[in-house]
Amino acid sequence: MSTWSVSFIRSVDQKDTIDRIVQTDQTDEINLMDQTNQTNNLSWYALRTKSRHEKLVRDQLDKQGIEPLLPMVKRLSQWKDRKKEIEVPLFSGYCFVRFGQHEKTPVQKTIGVVEIVGSGSRPEPIPEPEIDALRRLMISVLPYDPHPYLHEGMKVEVIRGPLQGIHGILLRKEKRHRLVIGVHLIQQAAAVEIDVNDVMGV
């Protein structure tokens, strides 16, 4: 075989190799873009659960790699001759979850899930600030409790302290003020004691 023929074959092989590398890189880039788009399209939703299945739903979602959020609150429970402090869901019968539309079916089929809260058969996302307010309430050292969801009252913003930037409704209970943080979609709320000097009207 001539030197020219050998060089030509090598050139063809090299071109095929380069083409395969380019195609692989393009495929990897497309897959990465798809994953990024899926991550960017994640939203928070509320799940209505079976009675006392909130923790099970949270754990099942976590095992599937789907991000759950289950706010808990401490309660004193009577155990025979003594009282014991236990943790129970802040909003009985509800668990929050963050997912994209490609994960809707796995979420719906999760053990203990009754439905994804929304309008008709269409899930309705929860605004990020409402979830962020709950998260910050959970990690603060402030005591908080479930509270009836209110439509009336003064809307305020916390201007200092661990809850700075959170919006809520200011109420007065006896001599103390309480900030009510609501999740509009499920008509649920939590209340925490607040110094009236730490809030301002919005």
N, C-alpha and C. Protein backbone atom coordinates (compact mmCIF):
# COMPACT_ATOMS: atom_id res chain seq x y z
N MET A 1 0.86 -1.19 0.00
CA MET A 1 0.00 0.00 0.00
C MET A 1 0.89 1.24 0.00
N SER A 2 0.52 2.23 -0.81
CA SER A 2 1.35 3.42 -0.93
C SER A 2 1.24 4.28 0.32
N THR A 3 2.25 5.16 0.46
CA THR A 3 2.25 6.09 1.60
C THR A 3 1.03 6.99 1.56
N TRP A 4 0.63 7.40 0.36
CA TRP A 4 -0.54 8.28 0.20
C TRP A 4 -1.80 7.58 0.71
N SER A 5 -1.97 6.28 0.34
CA SER A 5 -3.15 5.51 0.75
C SER A 5 -3.21 5.41 2.26
N VAL A 6 -2.07 5.11 2.89
CA VAL A 6 -2.02 4.97 4.34
C VAL A 6 -2.40 6.30 5.00
N SER A 7 -1.87 7.40 4.48
CA SER A 7 -2.16 8.72 5.03
C SER A 7 -3.64 9.05 4.89
N PHE A 8 -4.23 8.67 3.73
CA PHE A 8 -5.65 8.94 3.49
C PHE A 8 -6.52 8.19 4.49
N ILE A 9 -6.22 6.90 4.71
CA ILE A 9 -6.99 6.07 5.65
C ILE A 9 -6.90 6.65 7.06
N ARG A 10 -5.68 7.05 7.44
CA ARG A 10 -5.50 7.63 8.77
C ARG A 10 -6.31 8.92 8.92
N SER A 11 -6.33 9.70 7.84
CA SER A 11 -7.08 10.96 7.88
C SER A 11 -8.57 10.70 8.06
N VAL A 12 -9.09 9.68 7.34
CA VAL A 12 -10.50 9.32 7.46
C VAL A 12 -10.81 8.86 8.87
N ASP A 13 -9.93 7.98 9.41
CA ASP A 13 -10.14 7.48 10.78
C ASP A 13 -10.12 8.61 11.79
N GLN A 14 -9.19 9.53 11.60
CA GLN A 14 -9.09 10.66 12.53
C GLN A 14 -10.34 11.53 12.45
N LYS A 15 -10.86 11.72 11.23
CA LYS A 15 -12.06 12.54 11.06
C LYS A 15 -13.25 11.89 11.75
N ASP A 16 -13.38 10.53 11.58
CA ASP A 16 -14.48 9.82 12.23
C ASP A 16 -14.38 9.95 13.75
N THR A 17 -13.15 9.83 14.26
CA THR A 17 -12.95 9.94 15.71
C THR A 17 -13.33 11.32 16.21
N ILE A 18 -12.91 12.35 15.47
CA ILE A 18 -13.23 13.73 15.84
C ILE A 18 -14.74 13.96 15.81
N ASP A 19 -15.40 13.41 14.75
CA ASP A 19 -16.86 13.56 14.63
C ASP A 19 -17.57 12.93 15.82
N ARG A 20 -17.08 11.73 16.24
CA ARG A 20 -17.70 11.05 17.37
C ARG A 20 -17.51 11.84 18.66
N ILE A 21 -16.33 12.41 18.82
CA ILE A 21 -16.05 13.22 20.02
C ILE A 21 -16.96 14.44 20.06
N VAL A 22 -17.10 15.11 18.89
CA VAL A 22 -17.95 16.29 18.80
C VAL A 22 -19.40 15.94 19.11
N GLN A 23 -19.88 14.81 18.53
CA GLN A 23 -21.25 14.38 18.76
C GLN A 23 -21.48 14.05 20.24
N THR A 24 -20.49 13.38 20.86
CA THR A 24 -20.60 13.04 22.28
C THR A 24 -20.66 14.29 23.13
N ASP A 25 -19.80 15.27 22.80
CA ASP A 25 -19.79 16.53 23.55
C ASP A 25 -21.12 17.26 23.41
N GLN A 26 -21.68 17.25 22.18
CA GLN A 26 -22.95 17.92 21.95
C GLN A 26 -24.07 17.23 22.72
N THR A 27 -24.05 15.88 22.74
CA THR A 27 -25.06 15.12 23.48
C THR A 27 -24.98 15.42 24.97
N ASP A 28 -23.74 15.43 25.50
CA ASP A 28 -23.54 15.73 26.92
C ASP A 28 -24.04 17.13 27.25
N GLU A 29 -23.78 18.07 26.33
CA GLU A 29 -24.21 19.46 26.55
C GLU A 29 -25.72 19.56 26.56
N ILE A 30 -26.38 18.84 25.64
CA ILE A 30 -27.84 18.85 25.58
C ILE A 30 -28.42 18.24 26.85
N ASN A 31 -27.84 17.11 27.30
CA ASN A 31 -28.32 16.46 28.53
C ASN A 31 -28.16 17.39 29.72
N LEU A 32 -27.02 18.09 29.77
CA LEU A 32 -26.77 19.02 30.87
C LEU A 32 -27.78 20.16 30.85
N MET A 33 -28.09 20.66 29.64
CA MET A 33 -29.07 21.74 29.51
C MET A 33 -30.45 21.26 29.95
N ASP A 34 -30.80 20.01 29.59
CA ASP A 34 -32.09 19.45 29.99
C ASP A 34 -32.19 19.36 31.50
N GLN A 35 -31.10 18.88 32.14
CA GLN A 35 -31.09 18.75 33.59
C GLN A 35 -31.20 20.12 34.25
N THR A 36 -30.50 21.12 33.68
CA THR A 36 -30.55 22.47 34.23
C THR A 36 -31.95 23.05 34.11
N ASN A 37 -32.59 22.84 32.95
CA ASN A 37 -33.94 23.34 32.74
C ASN A 37 -34.92 22.70 33.70
N GLN A 38 -34.76 21.37 33.92
CA GLN A 38 -35.64 20.68 34.85
C GLN A 38 -35.48 21.22 36.25
N THR A 39 -34.22 21.50 36.65
CA THR A 39 -33.97 22.05 37.98
C THR A 39 -34.57 23.44 38.12
N ASN A 40 -34.41 24.26 37.06
CA ASN A 40 -34.94 25.62 37.10
C ASN A 40 -36.46 25.66 37.10
N ASN A 41 -37.11 24.61 36.61
CA ASN A 41 -38.57 24.57 36.52
C ASN A 41 -39.23 23.95 37.75
N LEU A 42 -38.46 23.71 38.81
CA LEU A 42 -39.03 23.15 40.02
C LEU A 42 -39.85 24.20 40.76
N SER A 43 -41.00 23.78 41.29
CA SER A 43 -41.86 24.67 42.08
C SER A 43 -42.32 23.93 43.33
N TRP A 44 -42.77 24.70 44.32
CA TRP A 44 -43.29 24.12 45.56
C TRP A 44 -44.79 23.91 45.45
N TYR A 45 -45.26 22.77 45.97
CA TYR A 45 -46.68 22.45 45.97
C TYR A 45 -47.06 21.90 47.34
N ALA A 46 -48.36 21.92 47.62
CA ALA A 46 -48.87 21.32 48.85
C ALA A 46 -49.53 19.99 48.52
N LEU A 47 -49.25 18.99 49.33
CA LEU A 47 -49.87 17.68 49.18
C LEU A 47 -50.87 17.47 50.31
N ARG A 48 -52.07 17.05 49.97
CA ARG A 48 -53.01 16.63 51.01
C ARG A 48 -52.76 15.14 51.26
N THR A 49 -52.56 14.79 52.52
CA THR A 49 -52.19 13.41 52.84
C THR A 49 -53.30 12.70 53.62
N LYS A 50 -53.18 11.40 53.70
CA LYS A 50 -54.07 10.63 54.56
C LYS A 50 -53.78 11.00 56.02
N SER A 51 -54.74 10.74 56.89
CA SER A 51 -54.58 11.08 58.30
C SER A 51 -53.35 10.39 58.89
N ARG A 52 -52.50 11.16 59.53
CA ARG A 52 -51.29 10.68 60.20
C ARG A 52 -50.29 10.03 59.23
N HIS A 53 -50.33 10.43 57.98
CA HIS A 53 -49.39 9.90 56.98
C HIS A 53 -48.36 10.96 56.55
N GLU A 54 -48.35 12.11 57.22
CA GLU A 54 -47.48 13.20 56.79
C GLU A 54 -46.00 12.79 56.80
N LYS A 55 -45.56 12.17 57.89
CA LYS A 55 -44.15 11.77 58.00
C LYS A 55 -43.80 10.68 56.99
N LEU A 56 -44.73 9.75 56.77
CA LEU A 56 -44.50 8.68 55.80
C LEU A 56 -44.33 9.27 54.40
N VAL A 57 -45.20 10.23 54.05
CA VAL A 57 -45.10 10.89 52.74
C VAL A 57 -43.76 11.59 52.61
N ARG A 58 -43.37 12.33 53.65
CA ARG A 58 -42.07 13.02 53.62
C ARG A 58 -40.92 12.05 53.38
N ASP A 59 -40.92 10.94 54.11
CA ASP A 59 -39.83 9.97 54.01
C ASP A 59 -39.82 9.29 52.64
N GLN A 60 -41.01 8.98 52.10
CA GLN A 60 -41.09 8.32 50.79
C GLN A 60 -40.59 9.26 49.68
N LEU A 61 -40.96 10.52 49.76
CA LEU A 61 -40.49 11.50 48.77
C LEU A 61 -38.97 11.64 48.84
N ASP A 62 -38.44 11.68 50.05
CA ASP A 62 -37.00 11.83 50.24
C ASP A 62 -36.25 10.64 49.62
N LYS A 63 -36.81 9.44 49.77
CA LYS A 63 -36.18 8.25 49.20
C LYS A 63 -36.17 8.29 47.67
N GLN A 64 -37.16 8.98 47.10
CA GLN A 64 -37.24 9.09 45.63
C GLN A 64 -36.36 10.22 45.10
N GLY A 65 -35.70 10.94 46.00
CA GLY A 65 -34.87 12.06 45.57
C GLY A 65 -35.66 13.31 45.26
N ILE A 66 -36.90 13.37 45.76
CA ILE A 66 -37.76 14.54 45.57
C ILE A 66 -37.80 15.32 46.88
N GLU A 67 -37.58 16.63 46.81
CA GLU A 67 -37.42 17.44 48.02
C GLU A 67 -38.74 17.70 48.74
N PRO A 68 -38.89 17.19 49.99
CA PRO A 68 -40.10 17.46 50.77
C PRO A 68 -39.84 18.55 51.81
N LEU A 69 -40.89 19.09 52.36
CA LEU A 69 -40.78 20.02 53.49
C LEU A 69 -41.97 19.77 54.41
N LEU A 70 -41.68 19.36 55.63
CA LEU A 70 -42.74 19.07 56.60
C LEU A 70 -42.45 19.83 57.89
N PRO A 71 -43.01 21.03 58.05
CA PRO A 71 -42.81 21.78 59.29
C PRO A 71 -43.39 21.00 60.47
N MET A 72 -42.62 20.93 61.55
CA MET A 72 -43.04 20.20 62.75
C MET A 72 -43.13 21.16 63.93
N VAL A 73 -43.93 20.79 64.92
CA VAL A 73 -44.06 21.58 66.14
C VAL A 73 -44.08 20.62 67.32
N LYS A 74 -43.51 21.04 68.44
CA LYS A 74 -43.44 20.18 69.63
C LYS A 74 -44.72 20.31 70.45
N ARG A 75 -45.17 19.16 70.97
CA ARG A 75 -46.38 19.10 71.78
C ARG A 75 -46.14 18.18 72.97
N LEU A 76 -46.82 18.48 74.09
CA LEU A 76 -46.78 17.59 75.25
C LEU A 76 -47.91 16.58 75.11
N SER A 77 -47.56 15.31 75.18
CA SER A 77 -48.54 14.24 75.05
C SER A 77 -48.58 13.42 76.34
N GLN A 78 -49.79 13.05 76.76
CA GLN A 78 -49.94 12.26 77.99
C GLN A 78 -49.67 10.79 77.70
N TRP A 79 -48.66 10.22 78.37
CA TRP A 79 -48.31 8.81 78.24
C TRP A 79 -48.50 8.13 79.58
N LYS A 80 -49.66 7.48 79.77
CA LYS A 80 -49.98 6.79 81.03
C LYS A 80 -49.81 7.72 82.22
N ASP A 81 -48.73 7.56 82.99
CA ASP A 81 -48.56 8.35 84.20
C ASP A 81 -47.61 9.53 84.03
N ARG A 82 -47.24 9.83 82.80
CA ARG A 82 -46.31 10.94 82.58
C ARG A 82 -46.59 11.64 81.26
N LYS A 83 -46.03 12.82 81.14
CA LYS A 83 -46.16 13.58 79.89
C LYS A 83 -44.86 13.51 79.11
N LYS A 84 -44.98 13.38 77.80
CA LYS A 84 -43.81 13.28 76.94
C LYS A 84 -43.92 14.30 75.81
N GLU A 85 -42.79 14.95 75.50
CA GLU A 85 -42.78 15.92 74.41
C GLU A 85 -42.57 15.20 73.08
N ILE A 86 -43.47 15.42 72.15
CA ILE A 86 -43.38 14.78 70.84
C ILE A 86 -43.45 15.85 69.75
N GLU A 87 -43.03 15.47 68.54
CA GLU A 87 -43.13 16.36 67.38
C GLU A 87 -44.28 15.92 66.49
N VAL A 88 -45.11 16.87 66.13
CA VAL A 88 -46.24 16.59 65.24
C VAL A 88 -46.21 17.60 64.09
N PRO A 89 -46.84 17.27 62.95
CA PRO A 89 -46.86 18.22 61.83
C PRO A 89 -47.53 19.54 62.21
N LEU A 90 -46.95 20.63 61.76
CA LEU A 90 -47.53 21.95 62.03
C LEU A 90 -48.90 22.07 61.39
N PHE A 91 -49.02 21.61 60.14
CA PHE A 91 -50.29 21.63 59.43
C PHE A 91 -50.76 20.19 59.24
N SER A 92 -51.68 19.76 60.07
CA SER A 92 -52.15 18.38 60.01
C SER A 92 -52.77 18.06 58.65
N GLY A 93 -52.32 16.95 58.05
CA GLY A 93 -52.88 16.53 56.77
C GLY A 93 -52.21 17.13 55.55
N TYR A 94 -51.09 17.85 55.75
CA TYR A 94 -50.40 18.47 54.62
C TYR A 94 -48.90 18.25 54.69
N CYS A 95 -48.30 18.13 53.52
CA CYS A 95 -46.84 18.07 53.38
C CYS A 95 -46.51 18.87 52.12
N PHE A 96 -45.41 19.60 52.15
CA PHE A 96 -45.00 20.38 50.98
C PHE A 96 -43.94 19.62 50.20
N VAL A 97 -43.88 19.87 48.90
CA VAL A 97 -42.92 19.17 48.05
C VAL A 97 -42.51 20.06 46.89
N ARG A 98 -41.25 19.95 46.50
CA ARG A 98 -40.71 20.74 45.38
C ARG A 98 -40.41 19.79 44.23
N PHE A 99 -41.06 19.99 43.09
CA PHE A 99 -40.83 19.10 41.96
C PHE A 99 -41.14 19.79 40.64
N GLY A 100 -40.66 19.16 39.55
CA GLY A 100 -40.96 19.62 38.20
C GLY A 100 -42.08 18.76 37.62
N GLN A 101 -42.62 19.17 36.50
CA GLN A 101 -43.75 18.46 35.92
C GLN A 101 -43.41 17.02 35.55
N HIS A 102 -42.11 16.75 35.26
CA HIS A 102 -41.71 15.38 34.92
C HIS A 102 -41.77 14.45 36.14
N GLU A 103 -41.93 15.03 37.35
CA GLU A 103 -42.01 14.21 38.57
C GLU A 103 -43.42 14.16 39.15
N LYS A 104 -44.38 14.71 38.44
CA LYS A 104 -45.75 14.79 38.96
C LYS A 104 -46.33 13.41 39.25
N THR A 105 -46.17 12.48 38.31
CA THR A 105 -46.74 11.14 38.50
C THR A 105 -46.13 10.41 39.69
N PRO A 106 -44.79 10.36 39.83
CA PRO A 106 -44.21 9.72 41.02
C PRO A 106 -44.71 10.34 42.33
N VAL A 107 -44.90 11.66 42.34
CA VAL A 107 -45.40 12.32 43.55
C VAL A 107 -46.82 11.86 43.85
N GLN A 108 -47.68 11.83 42.82
CA GLN A 108 -49.07 11.42 43.00
C GLN A 108 -49.18 9.97 43.49
N LYS A 109 -48.24 9.12 43.06
CA LYS A 109 -48.29 7.70 43.42
C LYS A 109 -47.59 7.39 44.74
N THR A 110 -47.05 8.42 45.39
CA THR A 110 -46.38 8.21 46.67
C THR A 110 -47.37 7.74 47.72
N ILE A 111 -47.00 6.72 48.48
CA ILE A 111 -47.87 6.16 49.51
C ILE A 111 -48.28 7.25 50.51
N GLY A 112 -49.58 7.37 50.74
CA GLY A 112 -50.09 8.34 51.70
C GLY A 112 -50.57 9.64 51.10
N VAL A 113 -50.26 9.88 49.82
CA VAL A 113 -50.70 11.12 49.16
C VAL A 113 -52.14 10.97 48.67
N VAL A 114 -52.98 11.92 49.03
CA VAL A 114 -54.37 11.94 48.55
C VAL A 114 -54.46 12.72 47.25
N GLU A 115 -53.86 13.91 47.24
CA GLU A 115 -53.88 14.74 46.03
C GLU A 115 -52.87 15.87 46.15
N ILE A 116 -52.53 16.44 44.99
CA ILE A 116 -51.73 17.66 44.96
C ILE A 116 -52.73 18.81 44.94
N VAL A 117 -52.61 19.72 45.89
CA VAL A 117 -53.59 20.80 46.02
C VAL A 117 -53.50 21.74 44.82
N GLY A 118 -54.67 22.08 44.27
CA GLY A 118 -54.70 22.98 43.12
C GLY A 118 -56.11 23.24 42.67
N SER A 119 -56.25 23.75 41.46
CA SER A 119 -57.56 24.03 40.88
C SER A 119 -57.94 22.88 39.96
N GLY A 120 -58.96 22.14 40.35
CA GLY A 120 -59.35 20.98 39.56
C GLY A 120 -58.24 19.94 39.56
N SER A 121 -57.84 19.51 38.36
CA SER A 121 -56.77 18.51 38.26
C SER A 121 -55.40 19.16 38.04
N ARG A 122 -55.36 20.47 38.10
CA ARG A 122 -54.11 21.19 37.85
C ARG A 122 -53.48 21.66 39.16
N PRO A 123 -52.28 21.16 39.50
CA PRO A 123 -51.61 21.59 40.73
C PRO A 123 -51.31 23.09 40.69
N GLU A 124 -51.45 23.73 41.83
CA GLU A 124 -51.17 25.17 41.92
C GLU A 124 -49.92 25.40 42.76
N PRO A 125 -48.89 26.02 42.19
CA PRO A 125 -47.65 26.22 42.94
C PRO A 125 -47.81 27.22 44.08
N ILE A 126 -46.99 27.05 45.11
CA ILE A 126 -46.99 27.96 46.25
C ILE A 126 -45.87 28.98 46.04
N PRO A 127 -46.14 30.26 46.25
CA PRO A 127 -45.09 31.28 46.09
C PRO A 127 -43.87 30.97 46.96
N GLU A 128 -42.70 31.15 46.38
CA GLU A 128 -41.44 30.86 47.09
C GLU A 128 -41.31 31.62 48.41
N PRO A 129 -41.72 32.90 48.50
CA PRO A 129 -41.59 33.62 49.77
C PRO A 129 -42.36 32.96 50.92
N GLU A 130 -43.50 32.33 50.62
CA GLU A 130 -44.28 31.67 51.68
C GLU A 130 -43.53 30.46 52.22
N ILE A 131 -42.90 29.69 51.32
CA ILE A 131 -42.11 28.54 51.76
C ILE A 131 -40.87 29.01 52.50
N ASP A 132 -40.24 30.06 52.00
CA ASP A 132 -39.05 30.60 52.65
C ASP A 132 -39.37 31.08 54.07
N ALA A 133 -40.54 31.69 54.25
CA ALA A 133 -40.95 32.15 55.58
C ALA A 133 -41.09 30.97 56.54
N LEU A 134 -41.68 29.87 56.06
CA LEU A 134 -41.83 28.68 56.89
C LEU A 134 -40.47 28.09 57.24
N ARG A 135 -39.57 28.03 56.27
CA ARG A 135 -38.23 27.48 56.50
C ARG A 135 -37.51 28.28 57.59
N ARG A 136 -37.58 29.60 57.48
CA ARG A 136 -36.88 30.44 58.44
C ARG A 136 -37.52 30.35 59.82
N LEU A 137 -38.82 30.17 59.86
CA LEU A 137 -39.51 29.98 61.13
C LEU A 137 -39.05 28.69 61.79
N MET A 138 -38.86 27.64 60.98
CA MET A 138 -38.44 26.34 61.49
C MET A 138 -37.05 26.37 62.11
N ILE A 139 -36.13 27.13 61.50
CA ILE A 139 -34.75 27.13 61.99
C ILE A 139 -34.52 28.21 63.05
N SER A 140 -35.51 29.06 63.28
CA SER A 140 -35.37 30.07 64.34
C SER A 140 -35.59 29.39 65.69
N VAL A 141 -35.18 30.06 66.75
CA VAL A 141 -35.37 29.50 68.10
C VAL A 141 -36.69 29.99 68.71
N LEU A 142 -37.50 30.66 67.92
CA LEU A 142 -38.75 31.22 68.41
C LEU A 142 -39.83 30.14 68.49
N PRO A 143 -40.65 30.16 69.55
CA PRO A 143 -41.75 29.20 69.65
C PRO A 143 -42.87 29.58 68.67
N TYR A 144 -43.44 28.62 67.99
CA TYR A 144 -44.53 28.91 67.05
C TYR A 144 -45.57 27.81 67.11
N ASP A 145 -46.77 28.13 66.67
CA ASP A 145 -47.91 27.21 66.73
C ASP A 145 -48.77 27.36 65.49
N PRO A 146 -49.62 26.36 65.20
CA PRO A 146 -50.60 26.53 64.13
C PRO A 146 -51.54 27.68 64.51
N HIS A 147 -52.09 28.34 63.53
CA HIS A 147 -52.97 29.47 63.80
C HIS A 147 -54.02 29.53 62.71
N PRO A 148 -55.26 29.87 63.07
CA PRO A 148 -56.29 29.98 62.03
C PRO A 148 -55.86 30.96 60.95
N TYR A 149 -56.09 30.60 59.69
CA TYR A 149 -55.71 31.49 58.59
C TYR A 149 -56.64 32.70 58.58
N LEU A 150 -56.06 33.90 58.49
CA LEU A 150 -56.85 35.12 58.59
C LEU A 150 -56.77 35.93 57.30
N HIS A 151 -57.86 36.57 56.96
CA HIS A 151 -57.89 37.49 55.82
C HIS A 151 -57.82 38.93 56.30
N GLU A 152 -58.16 39.15 57.56
CA GLU A 152 -58.17 40.50 58.10
C GLU A 152 -56.96 40.71 59.00
N GLY A 153 -56.64 41.97 59.26
CA GLY A 153 -55.49 42.28 60.10
C GLY A 153 -54.48 43.11 59.33
N MET A 154 -53.56 43.65 60.06
CA MET A 154 -52.56 44.53 59.47
C MET A 154 -51.42 43.74 58.86
N LYS A 155 -51.11 43.99 57.61
CA LYS A 155 -49.97 43.34 56.96
C LYS A 155 -48.69 44.06 57.36
N VAL A 156 -47.71 43.29 57.82
CA VAL A 156 -46.47 43.90 58.29
C VAL A 156 -45.26 43.15 57.74
N GLU A 157 -44.11 43.79 57.85
CA GLU A 157 -42.83 43.17 57.49
C GLU A 157 -41.91 43.24 58.70
N VAL A 158 -41.23 42.13 59.00
CA VAL A 158 -40.27 42.11 60.10
C VAL A 158 -39.01 42.83 59.63
N ILE A 159 -38.55 43.81 60.40
CA ILE A 159 -37.42 44.63 59.95
C ILE A 159 -36.12 44.31 60.67
N ARG A 160 -36.18 43.45 61.69
CA ARG A 160 -34.94 43.05 62.38
C ARG A 160 -35.16 41.70 63.06
N GLY A 161 -34.05 41.06 63.43
CA GLY A 161 -34.15 39.76 64.09
C GLY A 161 -34.07 38.60 63.12
N PRO A 162 -34.23 37.35 63.62
CA PRO A 162 -34.07 36.15 62.78
C PRO A 162 -35.11 36.02 61.68
N LEU A 163 -36.23 36.74 61.80
CA LEU A 163 -37.29 36.65 60.78
C LEU A 163 -37.31 37.89 59.88
N GLN A 164 -36.24 38.65 59.87
CA GLN A 164 -36.18 39.89 59.08
C GLN A 164 -36.54 39.64 57.61
N GLY A 165 -37.43 40.51 57.09
CA GLY A 165 -37.83 40.40 55.69
C GLY A 165 -39.10 39.61 55.47
N ILE A 166 -39.56 38.88 56.48
CA ILE A 166 -40.77 38.08 56.34
C ILE A 166 -42.01 38.97 56.45
N HIS A 167 -43.00 38.70 55.61
CA HIS A 167 -44.28 39.42 55.66
C HIS A 167 -45.31 38.55 56.35
N GLY A 168 -46.19 39.19 57.09
CA GLY A 168 -47.25 38.46 57.77
C GLY A 168 -48.33 39.41 58.25
N ILE A 169 -49.21 38.89 59.11
CA ILE A 169 -50.30 39.69 59.66
C ILE A 169 -50.06 39.86 61.15
N LEU A 170 -50.14 41.07 61.62
CA LEU A 170 -49.88 41.35 63.03
C LEU A 170 -51.18 41.29 63.82
N LEU A 171 -51.17 40.51 64.89
CA LEU A 171 -52.32 40.39 65.77
C LEU A 171 -51.90 40.73 67.19
N ARG A 172 -52.88 41.00 68.02
CA ARG A 172 -52.59 41.26 69.43
C ARG A 172 -53.32 40.21 70.26
N LYS A 173 -52.57 39.54 71.15
CA LYS A 173 -53.14 38.54 72.03
C LYS A 173 -52.79 38.94 73.46
N GLU A 174 -53.81 39.40 74.19
CA GLU A 174 -53.60 39.94 75.53
C GLU A 174 -52.59 41.08 75.45
N LYS A 175 -51.45 40.97 76.13
CA LYS A 175 -50.46 42.05 76.12
C LYS A 175 -49.34 41.81 75.13
N ARG A 176 -49.43 40.73 74.38
CA ARG A 176 -48.35 40.39 73.45
C ARG A 176 -48.83 40.44 72.00
N HIS A 177 -47.88 40.69 71.11
CA HIS A 177 -48.19 40.70 69.68
C HIS A 177 -47.72 39.40 69.04
N ARG A 178 -48.45 38.98 68.03
CA ARG A 178 -48.09 37.75 67.32
C ARG A 178 -48.10 38.03 65.82
N LEU A 179 -47.15 37.42 65.13
CA LEU A 179 -47.06 37.54 63.67
C LEU A 179 -47.62 36.27 63.06
N VAL A 180 -48.61 36.42 62.20
CA VAL A 180 -49.23 35.27 61.54
C VAL A 180 -48.65 35.13 60.14
N ILE A 181 -48.07 33.96 59.86
CA ILE A 181 -47.48 33.66 58.55
C ILE A 181 -48.39 32.65 57.86
N GLY A 182 -48.92 33.01 56.70
CA GLY A 182 -49.91 32.16 56.05
C GLY A 182 -49.43 31.50 54.77
N VAL A 183 -50.02 30.34 54.48
CA VAL A 183 -49.87 29.67 53.19
C VAL A 183 -51.24 29.74 52.54
N HIS A 184 -51.41 30.70 51.65
CA HIS A 184 -52.73 31.04 51.11
C HIS A 184 -53.43 29.85 50.46
N LEU A 185 -52.68 29.07 49.68
CA LEU A 185 -53.29 28.00 48.89
C LEU A 185 -54.05 27.01 49.74
N ILE A 186 -53.49 26.61 50.89
CA ILE A 186 -54.14 25.59 51.72
C ILE A 186 -54.87 26.20 52.92
N GLN A 187 -54.92 27.54 52.95
CA GLN A 187 -55.63 28.24 54.03
C GLN A 187 -55.15 27.78 55.41
N GLN A 188 -53.84 27.74 55.57
CA GLN A 188 -53.22 27.37 56.84
C GLN A 188 -52.25 28.48 57.23
N ALA A 189 -51.98 28.57 58.54
CA ALA A 189 -51.07 29.62 59.01
C ALA A 189 -50.39 29.20 60.29
N ALA A 190 -49.30 29.87 60.61
CA ALA A 190 -48.58 29.66 61.86
C ALA A 190 -48.41 31.02 62.51
N ALA A 191 -48.37 31.04 63.86
CA ALA A 191 -48.23 32.30 64.58
C ALA A 191 -47.04 32.24 65.51
N VAL A 192 -46.30 33.33 65.60
CA VAL A 192 -45.12 33.41 66.45
C VAL A 192 -45.15 34.75 67.19
N GLU A 193 -44.72 34.74 68.46
CA GLU A 193 -44.67 35.99 69.22
C GLU A 193 -43.61 36.91 68.63
N ILE A 194 -43.93 38.19 68.59
CA ILE A 194 -43.04 39.15 67.96
C ILE A 194 -43.07 40.47 68.74
N ASP A 195 -41.95 41.15 68.78
CA ASP A 195 -41.90 42.49 69.38
C ASP A 195 -42.45 43.48 68.37
N VAL A 196 -43.44 44.25 68.78
CA VAL A 196 -44.08 45.16 67.84
C VAL A 196 -43.09 46.18 67.28
N ASN A 197 -42.00 46.42 67.99
CA ASN A 197 -40.98 47.35 67.51
C ASN A 197 -40.13 46.75 66.39
N ASP A 198 -40.28 45.45 66.15
CA ASP A 198 -39.49 44.77 65.13
C ASP A 198 -40.22 44.66 63.80
N VAL A 199 -41.41 45.26 63.70
CA VAL A 199 -42.18 45.17 62.46
C VAL A 199 -42.61 46.56 62.00
N MET A 200 -42.93 46.65 60.71
CA MET A 200 -43.48 47.90 60.18
C MET A 200 -44.57 47.56 59.18
N GLY A 201 -45.50 48.46 59.00
CA GLY A 201 -46.59 48.23 58.07
C GLY A 201 -46.13 48.24 56.62
N VAL A 202 -46.82 47.46 55.77
CA VAL A 202 -46.49 47.41 54.35
C VAL A 202 -47.74 47.71 53.53
